């Protein structure tokens, strides 16, 4: 597994309940600030295998960006279950965005 992928997985695993990150923010903390789409690909292909809290990752506007309506609804309900207010599939990033890195280098597998 590539280091960027490994770091991305570790970061997402450590987003605490009630907090969110953006794709770009995860990419930046994983070492490649221009790799937001790569983060989306990792979430799409590895969420189940690594039990990632995929619902805690949103786009830069704080919107749920999943096109599949049923999955978008699952993400909305999952966020609401953690106390995050979702209005029209959007949240207030200023209130819920994780601002401190949720991991330390020595926790990588």
N, C-alpha and C. Protein backbone atom coordinates (compact mmCIF):
# COMPACT_ATOMS: atom_id res chain seq x y z
N UNK A 1 0.85 -1.17 0.00
CA UNK A 1 0.00 0.00 0.00
C UNK A 1 0.90 1.24 0.00
N UNK A 2 0.55 2.21 -0.81
CA UNK A 2 1.34 3.43 -0.91
C UNK A 2 1.21 4.26 0.36
N UNK A 3 2.27 5.01 0.71
CA UNK A 3 2.22 5.81 1.94
C UNK A 3 1.05 6.79 1.98
N UNK A 4 0.72 7.43 0.85
CA UNK A 4 -0.40 8.37 0.84
C UNK A 4 -1.71 7.64 1.19
N UNK A 5 -1.91 6.48 0.61
CA UNK A 5 -3.12 5.71 0.88
C UNK A 5 -3.16 5.29 2.35
N UNK A 6 -2.06 4.84 2.85
CA UNK A 6 -1.97 4.41 4.26
C UNK A 6 -2.29 5.57 5.20
N UNK A 7 -1.69 6.74 4.93
CA UNK A 7 -1.94 7.91 5.77
C UNK A 7 -3.40 8.34 5.68
N UNK A 8 -3.96 8.31 4.47
CA UNK A 8 -5.35 8.71 4.26
C UNK A 8 -6.28 7.81 5.08
N UNK A 9 -6.07 6.53 5.01
CA UNK A 9 -6.89 5.58 5.77
C UNK A 9 -6.78 5.87 7.27
N UNK A 10 -5.58 6.08 7.75
CA UNK A 10 -5.37 6.33 9.17
C UNK A 10 -6.05 7.62 9.62
N UNK A 11 -5.96 8.66 8.80
CA UNK A 11 -6.59 9.94 9.13
C UNK A 11 -8.10 9.76 9.23
N UNK A 12 -8.70 9.13 8.22
CA UNK A 12 -10.15 8.96 8.20
C UNK A 12 -10.62 8.09 9.36
N UNK A 13 -9.87 7.04 9.67
CA UNK A 13 -10.24 6.18 10.80
C UNK A 13 -10.30 6.96 12.11
N UNK A 14 -9.53 8.01 12.20
CA UNK A 14 -9.42 8.76 13.45
C UNK A 14 -10.23 10.04 13.50
N UNK A 15 -11.13 10.25 12.55
CA UNK A 15 -12.04 11.40 12.66
C UNK A 15 -13.06 11.03 13.74
N UNK A 16 -13.13 11.83 14.80
CA UNK A 16 -14.04 11.45 15.89
C UNK A 16 -15.51 11.68 15.54
N UNK A 17 -16.40 10.95 16.19
CA UNK A 17 -17.83 11.18 15.99
C UNK A 17 -18.18 12.64 16.28
N UNK A 18 -19.07 13.19 15.46
CA UNK A 18 -19.49 14.58 15.65
C UNK A 18 -18.60 15.58 14.96
N UNK A 19 -17.57 15.10 14.28
CA UNK A 19 -16.65 15.97 13.53
C UNK A 19 -16.59 15.50 12.08
N UNK A 20 -16.21 16.39 11.18
CA UNK A 20 -16.05 16.04 9.77
C UNK A 20 -14.75 16.62 9.25
N UNK A 21 -14.34 16.12 8.10
CA UNK A 21 -13.21 16.68 7.37
C UNK A 21 -13.63 16.80 5.91
N UNK A 22 -12.91 17.62 5.17
CA UNK A 22 -13.16 17.71 3.73
C UNK A 22 -12.17 16.80 3.01
N UNK A 23 -12.52 16.44 1.78
CA UNK A 23 -11.61 15.62 0.97
C UNK A 23 -10.25 16.29 0.86
N UNK A 24 -10.26 17.59 0.60
CA UNK A 24 -9.01 18.34 0.45
C UNK A 24 -8.20 18.40 1.73
N UNK A 25 -8.88 18.53 2.84
CA UNK A 25 -8.20 18.57 4.13
C UNK A 25 -7.52 17.23 4.42
N UNK A 26 -8.21 16.13 4.16
CA UNK A 26 -7.61 14.81 4.34
C UNK A 26 -6.38 14.68 3.43
N UNK A 27 -6.52 15.09 2.19
CA UNK A 27 -5.40 15.02 1.24
C UNK A 27 -4.21 15.81 1.74
N UNK A 28 -4.47 17.02 2.23
CA UNK A 28 -3.39 17.87 2.72
C UNK A 28 -2.68 17.21 3.91
N UNK A 29 -3.44 16.72 4.87
CA UNK A 29 -2.84 16.10 6.05
C UNK A 29 -2.13 14.80 5.70
N UNK A 30 -2.54 14.16 4.60
CA UNK A 30 -1.88 12.92 4.18
C UNK A 30 -0.64 13.20 3.33
N UNK A 31 -0.39 14.47 3.04
CA UNK A 31 0.84 14.83 2.35
C UNK A 31 0.73 15.27 0.91
N UNK A 32 -0.48 15.33 0.36
CA UNK A 32 -0.64 15.76 -1.03
C UNK A 32 -1.89 16.63 -1.14
N UNK A 33 -1.73 17.95 -0.94
CA UNK A 33 -2.88 18.84 -0.90
C UNK A 33 -3.71 18.89 -2.19
N UNK A 34 -3.18 18.37 -3.27
CA UNK A 34 -3.91 18.41 -4.54
C UNK A 34 -4.58 17.08 -4.87
N UNK A 35 -4.71 16.21 -3.89
CA UNK A 35 -5.20 14.86 -4.14
C UNK A 35 -6.58 14.59 -3.55
N UNK A 36 -7.46 15.58 -3.54
CA UNK A 36 -8.80 15.38 -2.98
C UNK A 36 -9.55 14.27 -3.71
N UNK A 37 -9.40 14.20 -5.03
CA UNK A 37 -10.08 13.13 -5.79
C UNK A 37 -9.52 11.76 -5.44
N UNK A 38 -8.25 11.70 -5.14
CA UNK A 38 -7.65 10.44 -4.72
C UNK A 38 -8.24 9.99 -3.38
N UNK A 39 -8.49 10.94 -2.49
CA UNK A 39 -9.14 10.63 -1.20
C UNK A 39 -10.52 10.04 -1.47
N UNK A 40 -11.26 10.64 -2.39
CA UNK A 40 -12.59 10.12 -2.73
C UNK A 40 -12.49 8.69 -3.27
N UNK A 41 -11.49 8.42 -4.09
CA UNK A 41 -11.31 7.08 -4.63
C UNK A 41 -10.99 6.08 -3.52
N UNK A 42 -10.12 6.48 -2.61
CA UNK A 42 -9.77 5.62 -1.48
C UNK A 42 -11.02 5.31 -0.65
N UNK A 43 -11.83 6.32 -0.38
CA UNK A 43 -13.07 6.10 0.37
C UNK A 43 -13.99 5.14 -0.37
N UNK A 44 -14.11 5.34 -1.67
CA UNK A 44 -15.00 4.51 -2.47
C UNK A 44 -14.56 3.04 -2.48
N UNK A 45 -13.27 2.81 -2.58
CA UNK A 45 -12.78 1.45 -2.75
C UNK A 45 -12.39 0.75 -1.44
N UNK A 46 -12.14 1.50 -0.38
CA UNK A 46 -11.58 0.87 0.82
C UNK A 46 -12.39 1.07 2.10
N UNK A 47 -13.51 1.77 2.03
CA UNK A 47 -14.28 2.04 3.26
C UNK A 47 -14.74 0.77 3.95
N UNK A 48 -15.27 -0.15 3.20
CA UNK A 48 -15.79 -1.38 3.81
C UNK A 48 -14.65 -2.23 4.37
N UNK A 49 -13.61 -2.42 3.58
CA UNK A 49 -12.49 -3.27 4.00
C UNK A 49 -11.82 -2.76 5.29
N UNK A 50 -11.67 -1.44 5.38
CA UNK A 50 -10.97 -0.84 6.53
C UNK A 50 -11.92 -0.25 7.56
N UNK A 51 -13.22 -0.46 7.37
CA UNK A 51 -14.24 0.05 8.30
C UNK A 51 -14.07 1.55 8.56
N UNK A 52 -13.98 2.29 7.47
CA UNK A 52 -13.77 3.74 7.56
C UNK A 52 -15.09 4.47 7.82
N UNK A 53 -15.06 5.50 8.65
CA UNK A 53 -16.26 6.32 8.86
C UNK A 53 -16.41 7.30 7.68
N UNK A 54 -16.71 6.76 6.53
CA UNK A 54 -16.76 7.51 5.27
C UNK A 54 -17.74 8.67 5.33
N UNK A 55 -18.76 8.54 6.15
CA UNK A 55 -19.80 9.58 6.23
C UNK A 55 -19.26 10.88 6.81
N UNK A 56 -18.10 10.86 7.43
CA UNK A 56 -17.53 12.06 8.04
C UNK A 56 -16.67 12.88 7.09
N UNK A 57 -16.64 12.52 5.82
CA UNK A 57 -15.85 13.25 4.83
C UNK A 57 -16.80 13.91 3.83
N UNK A 58 -16.66 15.23 3.70
CA UNK A 58 -17.56 16.03 2.86
C UNK A 58 -16.75 16.87 1.88
N UNK A 59 -17.45 17.54 0.97
CA UNK A 59 -16.73 18.41 0.05
C UNK A 59 -16.37 19.74 0.73
N UNK A 60 -15.65 20.59 0.03
CA UNK A 60 -15.13 21.82 0.61
C UNK A 60 -16.21 22.81 1.02
N UNK A 61 -17.42 22.65 0.51
CA UNK A 61 -18.54 23.52 0.88
C UNK A 61 -19.35 22.94 2.04
N UNK A 62 -18.94 21.79 2.55
CA UNK A 62 -19.68 21.16 3.63
C UNK A 62 -20.89 20.38 3.15
N UNK A 63 -20.91 20.06 1.87
CA UNK A 63 -22.05 19.35 1.30
C UNK A 63 -21.75 17.86 1.13
N UNK A 64 -22.80 17.09 1.22
CA UNK A 64 -22.71 15.68 0.87
C UNK A 64 -22.65 15.64 -0.65
N UNK A 65 -21.60 15.05 -1.19
CA UNK A 65 -21.40 15.10 -2.63
C UNK A 65 -21.68 13.78 -3.34
N UNK A 66 -22.21 12.81 -2.62
CA UNK A 66 -22.54 11.53 -3.22
C UNK A 66 -23.75 11.71 -4.13
N UNK A 67 -23.64 11.24 -5.35
CA UNK A 67 -24.73 11.40 -6.33
C UNK A 67 -25.87 10.40 -6.11
N UNK A 68 -25.56 9.22 -5.62
CA UNK A 68 -26.58 8.21 -5.35
C UNK A 68 -27.46 8.68 -4.20
N UNK A 69 -28.74 8.88 -4.47
CA UNK A 69 -29.65 9.44 -3.47
C UNK A 69 -29.74 8.61 -2.19
N UNK A 70 -29.78 7.29 -2.34
CA UNK A 70 -29.91 6.45 -1.14
C UNK A 70 -28.64 6.51 -0.29
N UNK A 71 -27.47 6.54 -0.91
CA UNK A 71 -26.23 6.66 -0.15
C UNK A 71 -26.10 8.04 0.48
N UNK A 72 -26.53 9.06 -0.23
CA UNK A 72 -26.50 10.43 0.32
C UNK A 72 -27.39 10.50 1.56
N UNK A 73 -28.54 9.84 1.50
CA UNK A 73 -29.45 9.83 2.64
C UNK A 73 -28.83 9.06 3.81
N UNK A 74 -28.14 7.97 3.54
CA UNK A 74 -27.45 7.21 4.59
C UNK A 74 -26.39 8.09 5.24
N UNK A 75 -25.65 8.85 4.42
CA UNK A 75 -24.63 9.73 4.97
C UNK A 75 -25.27 10.81 5.85
N UNK A 76 -26.35 11.39 5.38
CA UNK A 76 -27.07 12.42 6.14
C UNK A 76 -27.54 11.87 7.49
N UNK A 77 -28.16 10.72 7.47
CA UNK A 77 -28.68 10.10 8.70
C UNK A 77 -27.53 9.74 9.65
N UNK A 78 -26.42 9.26 9.10
CA UNK A 78 -25.26 8.89 9.92
C UNK A 78 -24.68 10.12 10.61
N UNK A 79 -24.60 11.24 9.89
CA UNK A 79 -24.10 12.48 10.48
C UNK A 79 -25.05 12.98 11.56
N UNK A 80 -26.35 12.95 11.27
CA UNK A 80 -27.34 13.41 12.25
C UNK A 80 -27.31 12.55 13.52
N UNK A 81 -27.05 11.26 13.36
CA UNK A 81 -26.97 10.36 14.52
C UNK A 81 -25.81 10.72 15.44
N UNK A 82 -24.83 11.45 14.91
CA UNK A 82 -23.69 11.88 15.71
C UNK A 82 -23.86 13.31 16.21
N UNK A 83 -25.06 13.87 16.02
CA UNK A 83 -25.33 15.21 16.52
C UNK A 83 -25.01 16.34 15.56
N UNK A 84 -24.72 16.01 14.32
CA UNK A 84 -24.40 17.03 13.31
C UNK A 84 -25.68 17.45 12.62
N UNK A 85 -25.92 18.75 12.59
CA UNK A 85 -27.11 19.29 11.93
C UNK A 85 -26.86 19.32 10.43
N UNK A 86 -27.75 18.68 9.67
CA UNK A 86 -27.65 18.64 8.21
C UNK A 86 -28.91 19.27 7.64
N UNK A 87 -28.73 20.34 6.86
CA UNK A 87 -29.86 21.01 6.22
C UNK A 87 -29.61 21.02 4.72
N UNK A 88 -30.54 20.44 3.98
CA UNK A 88 -30.40 20.33 2.52
C UNK A 88 -29.07 19.67 2.14
N UNK A 89 -28.71 18.64 2.86
CA UNK A 89 -27.49 17.86 2.59
C UNK A 89 -26.22 18.69 2.75
N UNK A 90 -26.28 19.68 3.62
CA UNK A 90 -25.14 20.55 3.88
C UNK A 90 -25.02 20.80 5.37
N UNK A 91 -23.77 20.94 5.83
CA UNK A 91 -23.52 21.25 7.24
C UNK A 91 -22.72 22.55 7.33
N UNK A 92 -22.69 23.11 8.53
CA UNK A 92 -21.88 24.29 8.79
C UNK A 92 -20.46 23.83 9.15
N UNK A 93 -19.53 23.96 8.21
CA UNK A 93 -18.17 23.50 8.45
C UNK A 93 -17.53 24.18 9.66
N UNK A 94 -17.83 25.46 9.84
CA UNK A 94 -17.24 26.18 10.97
C UNK A 94 -17.56 25.56 12.31
N UNK A 95 -18.67 24.87 12.39
CA UNK A 95 -19.09 24.27 13.65
C UNK A 95 -18.56 22.84 13.83
N UNK A 96 -18.43 22.08 12.75
CA UNK A 96 -18.13 20.65 12.87
C UNK A 96 -16.78 20.22 12.28
N UNK A 97 -16.09 21.12 11.60
CA UNK A 97 -14.83 20.74 10.96
C UNK A 97 -13.75 20.42 11.99
N UNK A 98 -13.09 19.30 11.81
CA UNK A 98 -11.98 18.91 12.68
C UNK A 98 -10.80 19.80 12.35
N UNK A 99 -10.26 20.47 13.35
CA UNK A 99 -9.18 21.43 13.10
C UNK A 99 -7.81 20.91 13.50
N UNK A 100 -7.76 19.91 14.36
CA UNK A 100 -6.48 19.34 14.79
C UNK A 100 -6.32 17.97 14.16
N UNK A 101 -5.12 17.66 13.74
CA UNK A 101 -4.88 16.38 13.10
C UNK A 101 -5.27 15.23 14.03
N UNK A 102 -6.06 14.27 13.50
CA UNK A 102 -6.59 13.20 14.35
C UNK A 102 -5.67 12.00 14.49
N UNK A 103 -4.38 12.18 14.29
CA UNK A 103 -3.47 11.04 14.37
C UNK A 103 -2.07 11.57 14.66
N UNK A 104 -1.19 10.65 14.93
CA UNK A 104 0.23 10.95 15.09
C UNK A 104 0.99 9.99 14.20
N UNK A 105 2.12 10.43 13.66
CA UNK A 105 2.90 9.61 12.73
C UNK A 105 3.19 8.21 13.28
N UNK A 106 3.42 8.10 14.56
CA UNK A 106 3.79 6.80 15.13
C UNK A 106 2.61 5.83 15.24
N UNK A 107 1.40 6.25 14.84
CA UNK A 107 0.26 5.35 14.89
C UNK A 107 0.03 4.61 13.57
N UNK A 108 0.83 4.92 12.56
CA UNK A 108 0.64 4.26 11.26
C UNK A 108 1.00 2.79 11.36
N UNK A 109 0.27 2.00 10.62
CA UNK A 109 0.48 0.56 10.60
C UNK A 109 1.74 0.24 9.81
